N, C-alpha and C. Protein backbone atom coordinates (compact mmCIF):
# COMPACT_ATOMS: atom_id res chain seq x y z
N MET A 1 -15.76 -5.34 -0.38
CA MET A 1 -15.04 -5.40 -1.64
C MET A 1 -13.58 -5.80 -1.43
N ASN A 2 -12.92 -5.14 -0.46
CA ASN A 2 -11.51 -5.44 -0.22
C ASN A 2 -11.28 -6.83 0.36
N ILE A 3 -12.23 -7.31 1.13
CA ILE A 3 -12.11 -8.69 1.64
C ILE A 3 -12.17 -9.66 0.47
N VAL A 4 -13.05 -9.41 -0.47
CA VAL A 4 -13.15 -10.25 -1.67
C VAL A 4 -11.86 -10.17 -2.48
N LEU A 5 -11.35 -8.94 -2.69
CA LEU A 5 -10.10 -8.76 -3.42
C LEU A 5 -8.95 -9.50 -2.74
N LEU A 6 -8.88 -9.41 -1.43
CA LEU A 6 -7.84 -10.09 -0.68
C LEU A 6 -7.95 -11.61 -0.83
N SER A 7 -9.15 -12.13 -0.67
CA SER A 7 -9.37 -13.58 -0.77
C SER A 7 -9.11 -14.11 -2.18
N VAL A 8 -9.64 -13.42 -3.17
CA VAL A 8 -9.46 -13.85 -4.56
C VAL A 8 -7.99 -13.77 -4.96
N SER A 9 -7.32 -12.68 -4.60
CA SER A 9 -5.90 -12.54 -4.94
C SER A 9 -5.07 -13.64 -4.29
N ASN A 10 -5.37 -13.93 -3.03
CA ASN A 10 -4.64 -14.99 -2.33
C ASN A 10 -4.87 -16.34 -3.00
N SER A 11 -6.11 -16.63 -3.37
CA SER A 11 -6.43 -17.90 -4.05
C SER A 11 -5.75 -17.99 -5.41
N LEU A 12 -5.77 -16.89 -6.16
CA LEU A 12 -5.14 -16.89 -7.49
C LEU A 12 -3.62 -17.02 -7.40
N MET A 13 -3.03 -16.46 -6.35
CA MET A 13 -1.58 -16.61 -6.18
C MET A 13 -1.23 -18.09 -6.02
N LYS A 14 -2.03 -18.80 -5.23
CA LYS A 14 -1.80 -20.24 -5.03
C LYS A 14 -2.04 -20.99 -6.33
N LYS A 15 -3.17 -20.71 -6.97
CA LYS A 15 -3.58 -21.44 -8.17
C LYS A 15 -2.65 -21.16 -9.36
N ASP A 16 -2.38 -19.89 -9.63
CA ASP A 16 -1.63 -19.52 -10.84
C ASP A 16 -0.11 -19.64 -10.68
N PHE A 17 0.40 -19.36 -9.47
CA PHE A 17 1.85 -19.31 -9.30
C PHE A 17 2.38 -20.24 -8.21
N GLY A 18 1.48 -20.91 -7.51
CA GLY A 18 1.91 -21.81 -6.44
C GLY A 18 2.54 -21.08 -5.27
N ILE A 19 2.15 -19.84 -5.07
CA ILE A 19 2.73 -19.03 -4.01
C ILE A 19 1.70 -18.82 -2.91
N GLU A 20 2.10 -19.09 -1.69
CA GLU A 20 1.28 -18.82 -0.52
C GLU A 20 1.64 -17.41 -0.05
N ALA A 21 0.77 -16.45 -0.33
CA ALA A 21 1.07 -15.04 -0.10
C ALA A 21 1.30 -14.72 1.37
N PHE A 22 0.58 -15.35 2.27
CA PHE A 22 0.71 -15.04 3.69
C PHE A 22 1.67 -15.97 4.41
N ALA A 23 2.39 -16.80 3.67
CA ALA A 23 3.35 -17.70 4.30
C ALA A 23 4.50 -16.89 4.88
N CYS A 24 4.90 -17.27 6.07
CA CYS A 24 6.03 -16.63 6.73
C CYS A 24 6.73 -17.71 7.55
N ARG A 25 7.96 -17.98 7.21
CA ARG A 25 8.70 -19.04 7.91
C ARG A 25 8.99 -18.66 9.36
N ASN A 26 9.22 -17.42 9.61
CA ASN A 26 9.58 -16.95 10.94
C ASN A 26 8.56 -15.91 11.38
N LYS A 27 7.73 -16.25 12.36
CA LYS A 27 6.65 -15.35 12.81
C LYS A 27 7.19 -14.05 13.39
N ARG A 28 8.40 -14.05 13.91
CA ARG A 28 9.00 -12.81 14.42
C ARG A 28 9.18 -11.79 13.30
N ARG A 29 9.36 -12.29 12.10
CA ARG A 29 9.56 -11.38 10.97
C ARG A 29 8.32 -10.56 10.66
N ILE A 30 7.15 -11.05 11.06
CA ILE A 30 5.93 -10.28 10.87
C ILE A 30 5.98 -9.02 11.74
N VAL A 31 6.45 -9.19 12.98
CA VAL A 31 6.59 -8.05 13.88
C VAL A 31 7.67 -7.10 13.36
N THR A 32 8.78 -7.66 12.91
CA THR A 32 9.85 -6.84 12.33
C THR A 32 9.34 -6.10 11.11
N ALA A 33 8.54 -6.78 10.29
CA ALA A 33 7.97 -6.15 9.09
C ALA A 33 7.07 -4.99 9.48
N PHE A 34 6.34 -5.11 10.59
CA PHE A 34 5.48 -4.02 11.04
C PHE A 34 6.33 -2.78 11.34
N PHE A 35 7.40 -2.96 12.11
CA PHE A 35 8.23 -1.81 12.48
C PHE A 35 8.98 -1.24 11.27
N ASN A 36 9.45 -2.10 10.40
CA ASN A 36 10.09 -1.62 9.17
C ASN A 36 9.07 -0.91 8.29
N GLY A 37 7.85 -1.46 8.20
CA GLY A 37 6.78 -0.82 7.45
C GLY A 37 6.47 0.55 8.02
N PHE A 38 6.50 0.65 9.34
CA PHE A 38 6.27 1.94 9.99
C PHE A 38 7.33 2.94 9.55
N LEU A 39 8.58 2.53 9.56
CA LEU A 39 9.67 3.44 9.16
C LEU A 39 9.58 3.82 7.69
N TYR A 40 9.29 2.85 6.83
CA TYR A 40 9.12 3.15 5.40
C TYR A 40 7.96 4.14 5.18
N ALA A 41 6.85 3.91 5.89
CA ALA A 41 5.68 4.78 5.76
C ALA A 41 6.00 6.18 6.27
N LEU A 42 6.69 6.25 7.40
CA LEU A 42 7.05 7.56 7.96
C LEU A 42 7.95 8.34 7.00
N LEU A 43 8.91 7.66 6.43
CA LEU A 43 9.81 8.30 5.47
C LEU A 43 9.02 8.84 4.27
N PHE A 44 8.13 8.01 3.74
CA PHE A 44 7.33 8.44 2.59
C PHE A 44 6.40 9.60 2.98
N ALA A 45 5.75 9.49 4.14
CA ALA A 45 4.82 10.54 4.57
C ALA A 45 5.54 11.87 4.77
N VAL A 46 6.71 11.85 5.36
CA VAL A 46 7.47 13.08 5.55
C VAL A 46 7.84 13.69 4.20
N ALA A 47 8.27 12.84 3.26
CA ALA A 47 8.62 13.34 1.92
C ALA A 47 7.40 13.96 1.24
N VAL A 48 6.25 13.32 1.33
CA VAL A 48 5.02 13.85 0.72
C VAL A 48 4.64 15.17 1.40
N PHE A 49 4.67 15.18 2.72
CA PHE A 49 4.29 16.37 3.47
C PHE A 49 5.15 17.56 3.07
N PHE A 50 6.46 17.39 3.08
CA PHE A 50 7.34 18.52 2.77
C PHE A 50 7.31 18.89 1.28
N THR A 51 7.11 17.93 0.42
CA THR A 51 6.98 18.24 -1.01
C THR A 51 5.76 19.11 -1.25
N PHE A 52 4.63 18.73 -0.66
CA PHE A 52 3.42 19.52 -0.84
C PHE A 52 3.50 20.85 -0.11
N ALA A 53 4.22 20.90 1.01
CA ALA A 53 4.35 22.15 1.77
C ALA A 53 5.05 23.23 0.95
N VAL A 54 5.89 22.82 0.00
CA VAL A 54 6.57 23.79 -0.86
C VAL A 54 5.58 24.48 -1.78
N PHE A 55 4.54 23.77 -2.22
CA PHE A 55 3.62 24.29 -3.23
C PHE A 55 2.27 24.77 -2.71
N GLN A 56 1.88 24.35 -1.52
CA GLN A 56 0.55 24.69 -1.02
C GLN A 56 0.53 24.59 0.49
N ASP A 57 -0.58 25.03 1.07
CA ASP A 57 -0.76 24.86 2.51
C ASP A 57 -1.06 23.40 2.81
N VAL A 58 -0.45 22.90 3.85
CA VAL A 58 -0.74 21.54 4.30
C VAL A 58 -1.18 21.62 5.75
N THR A 59 -1.95 20.64 6.15
CA THR A 59 -2.47 20.61 7.51
C THR A 59 -1.73 19.54 8.29
N PHE A 60 -1.34 19.90 9.50
CA PHE A 60 -0.64 18.95 10.37
C PHE A 60 -1.56 18.64 11.54
N LEU A 61 -1.60 17.40 11.97
CA LEU A 61 -2.49 16.90 13.01
C LEU A 61 -3.95 17.16 12.65
N VAL A 62 -4.41 16.37 11.73
CA VAL A 62 -5.76 16.48 11.19
C VAL A 62 -6.75 15.88 12.18
N LYS A 63 -7.81 16.61 12.45
CA LYS A 63 -8.88 16.08 13.30
C LYS A 63 -10.19 16.32 12.57
N GLN A 64 -10.70 15.25 12.00
CA GLN A 64 -11.97 15.36 11.28
C GLN A 64 -12.79 14.11 11.50
N GLY A 65 -14.06 14.26 11.52
CA GLY A 65 -14.96 13.12 11.66
C GLY A 65 -15.03 12.59 13.08
N ASN A 66 -15.75 11.51 13.25
CA ASN A 66 -15.96 10.87 14.53
C ASN A 66 -14.72 10.08 14.93
N LEU A 67 -14.15 10.40 16.07
CA LEU A 67 -12.98 9.69 16.55
C LEU A 67 -13.29 8.85 17.78
N GLY A 68 -14.55 8.43 17.90
CA GLY A 68 -14.93 7.55 19.00
C GLY A 68 -14.27 6.18 18.83
N PHE A 69 -14.27 5.41 19.92
CA PHE A 69 -13.57 4.11 19.92
C PHE A 69 -14.05 3.21 18.79
N TRP A 70 -15.35 2.98 18.65
CA TRP A 70 -15.85 2.03 17.65
C TRP A 70 -15.63 2.54 16.23
N SER A 71 -15.80 3.81 16.06
CA SER A 71 -15.55 4.40 14.74
C SER A 71 -14.08 4.22 14.35
N LEU A 72 -13.20 4.51 15.27
CA LEU A 72 -11.77 4.36 15.02
C LEU A 72 -11.39 2.89 14.84
N PHE A 73 -11.97 2.01 15.64
CA PHE A 73 -11.70 0.57 15.54
C PHE A 73 -12.10 0.03 14.16
N VAL A 74 -13.29 0.38 13.71
CA VAL A 74 -13.76 -0.07 12.39
C VAL A 74 -12.88 0.51 11.30
N TRP A 75 -12.52 1.78 11.42
CA TRP A 75 -11.66 2.42 10.41
C TRP A 75 -10.33 1.68 10.32
N VAL A 76 -9.73 1.35 11.45
CA VAL A 76 -8.44 0.65 11.46
C VAL A 76 -8.57 -0.72 10.81
N ILE A 77 -9.59 -1.48 11.14
CA ILE A 77 -9.78 -2.81 10.55
C ILE A 77 -9.96 -2.69 9.04
N VAL A 78 -10.78 -1.76 8.60
CA VAL A 78 -11.01 -1.56 7.17
C VAL A 78 -9.70 -1.17 6.47
N GLN A 79 -8.91 -0.32 7.09
CA GLN A 79 -7.65 0.11 6.48
C GLN A 79 -6.62 -1.01 6.42
N ILE A 80 -6.59 -1.87 7.42
CA ILE A 80 -5.67 -3.02 7.38
C ILE A 80 -6.06 -3.93 6.22
N ILE A 81 -7.33 -4.23 6.10
CA ILE A 81 -7.81 -5.09 5.01
C ILE A 81 -7.53 -4.43 3.67
N THR A 82 -7.82 -3.15 3.56
CA THR A 82 -7.60 -2.42 2.30
C THR A 82 -6.13 -2.43 1.91
N ALA A 83 -5.26 -2.12 2.86
CA ALA A 83 -3.82 -2.06 2.56
C ALA A 83 -3.29 -3.42 2.10
N PHE A 84 -3.63 -4.48 2.82
CA PHE A 84 -3.14 -5.80 2.44
C PHE A 84 -3.77 -6.27 1.13
N ALA A 85 -5.05 -5.96 0.92
CA ALA A 85 -5.71 -6.36 -0.33
C ALA A 85 -5.06 -5.67 -1.53
N GLU A 86 -4.83 -4.36 -1.42
CA GLU A 86 -4.22 -3.62 -2.53
C GLU A 86 -2.80 -4.09 -2.78
N GLU A 87 -2.04 -4.31 -1.73
CA GLU A 87 -0.65 -4.77 -1.92
C GLU A 87 -0.61 -6.16 -2.53
N LEU A 88 -1.45 -7.06 -2.04
CA LEU A 88 -1.47 -8.41 -2.58
C LEU A 88 -1.90 -8.40 -4.04
N PHE A 89 -2.93 -7.63 -4.35
CA PHE A 89 -3.40 -7.61 -5.72
C PHE A 89 -2.43 -6.89 -6.66
N PHE A 90 -2.08 -5.65 -6.35
CA PHE A 90 -1.27 -4.86 -7.29
C PHE A 90 0.20 -5.26 -7.28
N ARG A 91 0.84 -5.18 -6.13
CA ARG A 91 2.28 -5.37 -6.08
C ARG A 91 2.71 -6.83 -6.18
N ILE A 92 1.80 -7.76 -5.91
CA ILE A 92 2.22 -9.16 -5.96
C ILE A 92 1.51 -9.89 -7.10
N TYR A 93 0.18 -10.03 -7.05
CA TYR A 93 -0.48 -10.85 -8.06
C TYR A 93 -0.44 -10.21 -9.45
N ALA A 94 -0.94 -8.99 -9.59
CA ALA A 94 -0.98 -8.36 -10.92
C ALA A 94 0.43 -8.19 -11.49
N TYR A 95 1.37 -7.91 -10.62
CA TYR A 95 2.77 -7.81 -11.09
C TYR A 95 3.23 -9.14 -11.66
N GLU A 96 2.96 -10.22 -10.96
CA GLU A 96 3.36 -11.56 -11.44
C GLU A 96 2.70 -11.88 -12.78
N VAL A 97 1.44 -11.51 -12.91
CA VAL A 97 0.72 -11.76 -14.17
C VAL A 97 1.37 -10.98 -15.31
N LEU A 98 1.59 -9.68 -15.10
CA LEU A 98 2.19 -8.87 -16.17
C LEU A 98 3.63 -9.26 -16.44
N PHE A 99 4.37 -9.57 -15.40
CA PHE A 99 5.75 -9.97 -15.61
C PHE A 99 5.83 -11.29 -16.38
N SER A 100 4.93 -12.22 -16.08
CA SER A 100 4.93 -13.48 -16.83
C SER A 100 4.51 -13.26 -18.28
N ALA A 101 3.70 -12.24 -18.53
CA ALA A 101 3.26 -11.95 -19.90
C ALA A 101 4.33 -11.19 -20.69
N PHE A 102 4.95 -10.20 -20.08
CA PHE A 102 5.89 -9.34 -20.80
C PHE A 102 7.37 -9.67 -20.58
N ARG A 103 7.68 -10.32 -19.45
CA ARG A 103 9.06 -10.64 -19.09
C ARG A 103 9.94 -9.39 -18.99
N ARG A 104 9.33 -8.28 -18.63
CA ARG A 104 10.05 -7.02 -18.45
C ARG A 104 9.60 -6.40 -17.12
N LYS A 105 10.55 -6.32 -16.18
CA LYS A 105 10.25 -5.80 -14.85
C LYS A 105 9.75 -4.36 -14.90
N LEU A 106 10.51 -3.50 -15.54
CA LEU A 106 10.18 -2.08 -15.54
C LEU A 106 8.81 -1.82 -16.19
N LEU A 107 8.54 -2.46 -17.30
CA LEU A 107 7.24 -2.29 -17.96
C LEU A 107 6.12 -2.74 -17.04
N SER A 108 6.29 -3.87 -16.40
CA SER A 108 5.28 -4.39 -15.48
C SER A 108 5.06 -3.44 -14.31
N ILE A 109 6.14 -2.91 -13.76
CA ILE A 109 6.05 -1.98 -12.63
C ILE A 109 5.33 -0.70 -13.05
N VAL A 110 5.68 -0.15 -14.19
CA VAL A 110 5.05 1.08 -14.66
C VAL A 110 3.55 0.86 -14.91
N LEU A 111 3.19 -0.24 -15.56
CA LEU A 111 1.77 -0.51 -15.83
C LEU A 111 0.97 -0.71 -14.54
N ILE A 112 1.52 -1.47 -13.62
CA ILE A 112 0.83 -1.70 -12.34
C ILE A 112 0.71 -0.39 -11.57
N SER A 113 1.75 0.42 -11.57
CA SER A 113 1.71 1.69 -10.85
C SER A 113 0.67 2.63 -11.45
N LEU A 114 0.57 2.66 -12.76
CA LEU A 114 -0.45 3.48 -13.41
C LEU A 114 -1.86 2.97 -13.08
N MET A 115 -2.03 1.65 -13.04
CA MET A 115 -3.33 1.08 -12.66
C MET A 115 -3.66 1.45 -11.21
N PHE A 116 -2.69 1.30 -10.32
CA PHE A 116 -2.88 1.61 -8.91
C PHE A 116 -3.28 3.08 -8.73
N ALA A 117 -2.55 3.96 -9.38
CA ALA A 117 -2.85 5.40 -9.29
C ALA A 117 -4.20 5.71 -9.94
N GLY A 118 -4.51 5.04 -11.04
CA GLY A 118 -5.79 5.24 -11.71
C GLY A 118 -6.97 4.86 -10.84
N VAL A 119 -6.84 3.77 -10.13
CA VAL A 119 -7.90 3.35 -9.21
C VAL A 119 -8.08 4.39 -8.11
N HIS A 120 -6.98 4.93 -7.61
CA HIS A 120 -7.08 5.91 -6.54
C HIS A 120 -7.68 7.24 -7.00
N ILE A 121 -7.37 7.66 -8.20
CA ILE A 121 -8.02 8.90 -8.68
C ILE A 121 -9.49 8.64 -8.97
N ALA A 122 -9.82 7.45 -9.46
CA ALA A 122 -11.22 7.11 -9.72
C ALA A 122 -12.03 7.09 -8.42
N LEU A 123 -11.42 6.59 -7.36
CA LEU A 123 -12.12 6.50 -6.07
C LEU A 123 -12.20 7.85 -5.35
N HIS A 124 -11.14 8.66 -5.48
CA HIS A 124 -11.06 9.90 -4.69
C HIS A 124 -11.27 11.16 -5.51
N GLY A 125 -11.15 11.07 -6.84
CA GLY A 125 -11.37 12.22 -7.70
C GLY A 125 -10.42 13.38 -7.48
N ASN A 126 -9.21 13.06 -7.06
CA ASN A 126 -8.25 14.11 -6.72
C ASN A 126 -6.95 13.84 -7.48
N ILE A 127 -6.51 14.80 -8.27
CA ILE A 127 -5.30 14.61 -9.08
C ILE A 127 -4.07 14.44 -8.19
N LYS A 128 -4.06 15.09 -7.02
CA LYS A 128 -2.94 14.90 -6.10
C LYS A 128 -2.86 13.44 -5.65
N GLN A 129 -4.03 12.83 -5.46
CA GLN A 129 -4.07 11.43 -5.05
C GLN A 129 -3.45 10.54 -6.13
N PHE A 130 -3.67 10.89 -7.39
CA PHE A 130 -3.08 10.13 -8.49
C PHE A 130 -1.56 10.15 -8.40
N PHE A 131 -0.99 11.34 -8.25
CA PHE A 131 0.48 11.44 -8.22
C PHE A 131 1.08 10.83 -6.96
N VAL A 132 0.45 11.03 -5.82
CA VAL A 132 0.95 10.42 -4.59
C VAL A 132 0.88 8.89 -4.71
N SER A 133 -0.22 8.37 -5.24
CA SER A 133 -0.38 6.92 -5.41
C SER A 133 0.64 6.37 -6.40
N LEU A 134 0.90 7.11 -7.46
CA LEU A 134 1.88 6.67 -8.46
C LEU A 134 3.28 6.58 -7.84
N VAL A 135 3.67 7.62 -7.14
CA VAL A 135 4.99 7.62 -6.49
C VAL A 135 5.04 6.56 -5.40
N PHE A 136 3.94 6.42 -4.63
CA PHE A 136 3.87 5.39 -3.59
C PHE A 136 4.08 4.00 -4.20
N SER A 137 3.48 3.77 -5.35
CA SER A 137 3.60 2.46 -5.99
C SER A 137 5.04 2.19 -6.40
N PHE A 138 5.71 3.17 -6.98
CA PHE A 138 7.12 2.99 -7.33
C PHE A 138 7.96 2.75 -6.08
N TYR A 139 7.67 3.48 -5.04
CA TYR A 139 8.36 3.33 -3.75
C TYR A 139 8.14 1.90 -3.21
N ALA A 140 6.91 1.43 -3.27
CA ALA A 140 6.60 0.08 -2.79
C ALA A 140 7.32 -0.98 -3.62
N PHE A 141 7.39 -0.79 -4.92
CA PHE A 141 8.13 -1.75 -5.74
C PHE A 141 9.62 -1.74 -5.39
N GLY A 142 10.15 -0.57 -5.05
CA GLY A 142 11.55 -0.50 -4.60
C GLY A 142 11.76 -1.30 -3.33
N ILE A 143 10.82 -1.20 -2.42
CA ILE A 143 10.91 -1.97 -1.17
C ILE A 143 10.77 -3.46 -1.48
N LYS A 144 9.88 -3.79 -2.38
CA LYS A 144 9.69 -5.19 -2.77
C LYS A 144 10.99 -5.78 -3.31
N GLU A 145 11.72 -5.01 -4.11
CA GLU A 145 13.00 -5.47 -4.64
C GLU A 145 14.03 -5.65 -3.53
N LYS A 146 13.99 -4.75 -2.58
CA LYS A 146 14.95 -4.76 -1.48
C LYS A 146 14.65 -5.85 -0.45
N ARG A 147 13.37 -6.14 -0.26
CA ARG A 147 12.90 -7.09 0.76
C ARG A 147 12.06 -8.19 0.14
N PRO A 148 12.66 -9.09 -0.62
CA PRO A 148 11.84 -10.10 -1.30
C PRO A 148 11.18 -11.11 -0.36
N ASP A 149 11.77 -11.35 0.82
CA ASP A 149 11.13 -12.26 1.78
C ASP A 149 10.07 -11.50 2.57
N ASP A 150 8.92 -12.11 2.72
CA ASP A 150 7.82 -11.53 3.48
C ASP A 150 7.40 -10.16 2.93
N THR A 151 7.48 -10.01 1.64
CA THR A 151 7.14 -8.75 0.97
C THR A 151 5.75 -8.28 1.34
N LEU A 152 4.78 -9.16 1.36
CA LEU A 152 3.41 -8.76 1.64
C LEU A 152 3.30 -8.08 3.00
N TYR A 153 4.01 -8.59 3.99
CA TYR A 153 3.94 -7.99 5.32
C TYR A 153 4.59 -6.61 5.35
N TYR A 154 5.75 -6.47 4.75
CA TYR A 154 6.41 -5.16 4.69
C TYR A 154 5.50 -4.15 3.99
N LEU A 155 5.02 -4.52 2.82
CA LEU A 155 4.22 -3.59 2.02
C LEU A 155 2.85 -3.32 2.65
N GLY A 156 2.22 -4.36 3.16
CA GLY A 156 0.90 -4.18 3.77
C GLY A 156 0.95 -3.26 4.98
N TRP A 157 1.92 -3.49 5.86
CA TRP A 157 2.03 -2.63 7.04
C TRP A 157 2.43 -1.21 6.65
N MET A 158 3.33 -1.08 5.68
CA MET A 158 3.73 0.25 5.23
C MET A 158 2.51 1.00 4.68
N HIS A 159 1.73 0.34 3.85
CA HIS A 159 0.54 0.96 3.24
C HIS A 159 -0.46 1.36 4.32
N PHE A 160 -0.72 0.47 5.25
CA PHE A 160 -1.66 0.76 6.33
C PHE A 160 -1.19 1.96 7.16
N ILE A 161 0.07 1.97 7.55
CA ILE A 161 0.57 3.04 8.40
C ILE A 161 0.60 4.36 7.63
N TYR A 162 0.95 4.32 6.36
CA TYR A 162 0.90 5.55 5.57
C TYR A 162 -0.53 6.10 5.53
N ASN A 163 -1.51 5.21 5.32
CA ASN A 163 -2.91 5.66 5.31
C ASN A 163 -3.29 6.29 6.65
N CYS A 164 -2.81 5.72 7.75
CA CYS A 164 -3.08 6.29 9.07
C CYS A 164 -2.45 7.67 9.21
N LEU A 165 -1.20 7.79 8.78
CA LEU A 165 -0.52 9.09 8.85
C LEU A 165 -1.23 10.12 7.98
N ALA A 166 -1.63 9.71 6.79
CA ALA A 166 -2.32 10.63 5.88
C ALA A 166 -3.69 11.03 6.43
N ARG A 167 -4.30 10.20 7.20
CA ARG A 167 -5.64 10.49 7.75
C ARG A 167 -5.58 11.33 9.02
N PHE A 168 -4.62 11.02 9.91
CA PHE A 168 -4.63 11.64 11.22
C PHE A 168 -3.48 12.62 11.49
N VAL A 169 -2.41 12.54 10.73
CA VAL A 169 -1.25 13.37 11.05
C VAL A 169 -1.11 14.54 10.08
N PHE A 170 -1.30 14.30 8.79
CA PHE A 170 -1.17 15.40 7.85
C PHE A 170 -2.18 15.26 6.72
N SER A 171 -2.44 16.35 6.08
CA SER A 171 -3.35 16.34 4.94
C SER A 171 -2.78 17.26 3.87
N VAL A 172 -2.82 16.79 2.62
CA VAL A 172 -2.28 17.61 1.53
C VAL A 172 -3.38 18.04 0.59
């Protein structure tokens, strides 16, 4: 599903807006985006962890499920595809569509963030997931505003690394 979402979103970006989503003039910036994405994800994860720690028990260093090499390898590949697909669709393509329709940044950001959070609660059935996803979306849009060049790489890596931290480092 996420491979289809990634492919379709990329094609629609080219067709509808003439934007090559994965274009990067400087390949070194992809590596820089990874490390910056790591820092953005770490900052967000720490904020989520400590916010939830105030209200409930949280688990640190989560160990659940099969952590064998192939299981972990497949999980990582799926998460990379998922993170980039969601960022390309929500934060880039759907945002461009809504912004072109409404010509209002804040309205477009709020609607996309609600859609993003709605999808996550529908998939996970957890109200905490809704609020974390909503705040994550606003956070990602803030990064998008701050880093307009190579936005997909910054956001995709940040999303992927946050998912890794949420899966293996802490649980709320």
